[in-house]
Amino acid sequence: MITITDKAVARIREISDSEGIGHYVIRIKVIGGGCSGFTNDLYFEEIVNDTDEVIKIDGVKIVVDPMSLQYLDGTTVDFIEGEFESG
């Protein structure tokens, strides 16, 4: 199961609203990274496939393909703000 913090939900809504995206659907996926191993990618998504796992939290949908889900199970999505970066 993937979880998402209230702070991340609020930031997803804020970004979508300010950039005129018009929805709160986020895809999280694992990408092969060669020598450095796997990396994760997170972005607004327009297409939800029948095989995707969909997690709904406070109006935000997290969409994950079956291959990525096996690596992301137990992950918590959060938003942090630091002095020099945020994400």
Protein backbone atom coordinates (compact mmCIF):
# COMPACT_ATOMS: atom_id res chain seq x y z
CA MET A 1 0.00 0.00 0.00
CA ILE A 2 1.20 3.49 -0.83
CA THR A 3 0.27 6.34 1.49
CA ILE A 4 0.43 10.10 1.06
CA THR A 5 0.72 12.77 3.73
CA ASP A 6 -1.75 15.64 4.16
CA LYS A 7 1.03 18.07 3.25
CA ALA A 8 1.67 16.27 -0.06
CA VAL A 9 -2.08 16.21 -0.86
CA ALA A 10 -2.29 19.95 -0.23
CA ARG A 11 0.74 20.64 -2.45
CA ILE A 12 -0.63 18.48 -5.30
CA ARG A 13 -3.90 20.43 -5.17
CA GLU A 14 -2.03 23.74 -5.05
CA ILE A 15 0.20 22.94 -8.05
CA SER A 16 -2.69 21.60 -10.12
CA ASP A 17 -4.84 24.64 -9.38
CA SER A 18 -2.11 27.22 -9.95
CA GLU A 19 -0.95 25.63 -13.24
CA GLY A 20 -4.47 25.00 -14.57
CA ILE A 21 -3.97 21.23 -14.82
CA GLY A 22 -7.60 20.60 -13.90
CA HIS A 23 -7.26 17.30 -12.02
CA TYR A 24 -5.51 15.71 -9.06
CA VAL A 25 -4.23 12.47 -10.61
CA ILE A 26 -0.57 11.67 -9.94
CA ARG A 27 1.37 8.76 -11.42
CA ILE A 28 4.28 7.28 -9.50
CA LYS A 29 6.56 4.87 -11.33
CA VAL A 30 9.89 3.13 -11.01
CA ILE A 31 12.41 3.63 -13.80
CA GLY A 32 15.48 1.46 -14.38
CA GLY A 33 18.55 3.54 -13.67
CA GLY A 34 21.46 1.49 -15.01
CA CYS A 35 24.50 1.56 -12.72
CA SER A 36 22.80 3.71 -10.10
CA GLY A 37 19.81 1.37 -9.73
CA PHE A 38 16.16 2.36 -9.81
CA THR A 39 14.79 5.88 -9.66
CA ASN A 40 11.25 7.06 -8.98
CA ASP A 41 9.24 9.45 -11.12
CA LEU A 42 6.11 11.36 -10.08
CA TYR A 43 3.99 13.47 -12.42
CA PHE A 44 0.43 14.54 -13.22
CA GLU A 45 -1.27 11.89 -15.36
CA GLU A 46 -4.16 12.07 -17.82
CA ILE A 47 -4.51 8.33 -18.56
CA VAL A 48 -5.40 5.62 -16.05
CA ASN A 49 -5.04 2.08 -17.40
CA ASP A 50 -7.25 -0.84 -16.38
CA THR A 51 -4.23 -2.61 -14.87
CA ASP A 52 -3.16 0.39 -12.74
CA GLU A 53 -3.57 0.41 -8.99
CA VAL A 54 -5.50 3.54 -7.99
CA ILE A 55 -5.28 4.91 -4.46
CA LYS A 56 -7.74 7.69 -3.60
CA ILE A 57 -6.96 10.05 -0.73
CA ASP A 58 -8.93 13.25 -0.10
CA GLY A 59 -9.76 13.71 -3.79
CA VAL A 60 -6.20 13.00 -4.98
CA LYS A 61 -5.63 9.82 -7.00
CA ILE A 62 -2.27 8.07 -6.92
CA VAL A 63 -1.88 5.81 -9.96
CA VAL A 64 0.77 3.06 -10.07
CA ASP A 65 1.43 0.43 -12.75
CA PRO A 66 1.71 -3.20 -11.55
CA MET A 67 5.50 -3.45 -12.11
CA SER A 68 6.20 -0.28 -10.13
CA LEU A 69 3.80 -1.26 -7.34
CA GLN A 70 5.92 -4.25 -6.35
CA TYR A 71 8.84 -1.87 -5.64
CA LEU A 72 6.80 0.97 -4.15
CA ASP A 73 4.64 -1.03 -1.76
CA GLY A 74 5.01 0.53 1.68
CA THR A 75 6.11 3.94 0.33
CA THR A 76 4.88 7.19 1.82
CA VAL A 77 4.67 10.23 -0.47
CA ASP A 78 5.46 13.46 1.39
CA PHE A 79 6.33 17.06 0.57
CA ILE A 80 9.21 18.74 2.33
CA GLU A 81 10.51 22.29 2.19
CA GLY A 82 14.11 23.06 2.98
CA GLU A 83 16.20 26.20 2.89
CA PHE A 84 17.55 25.45 -0.59
CA GLU A 85 15.07 23.00 -2.09
CA SER A 86 11.60 21.52 -1.82
CA GLY A 87 9.90 18.51 -3.25
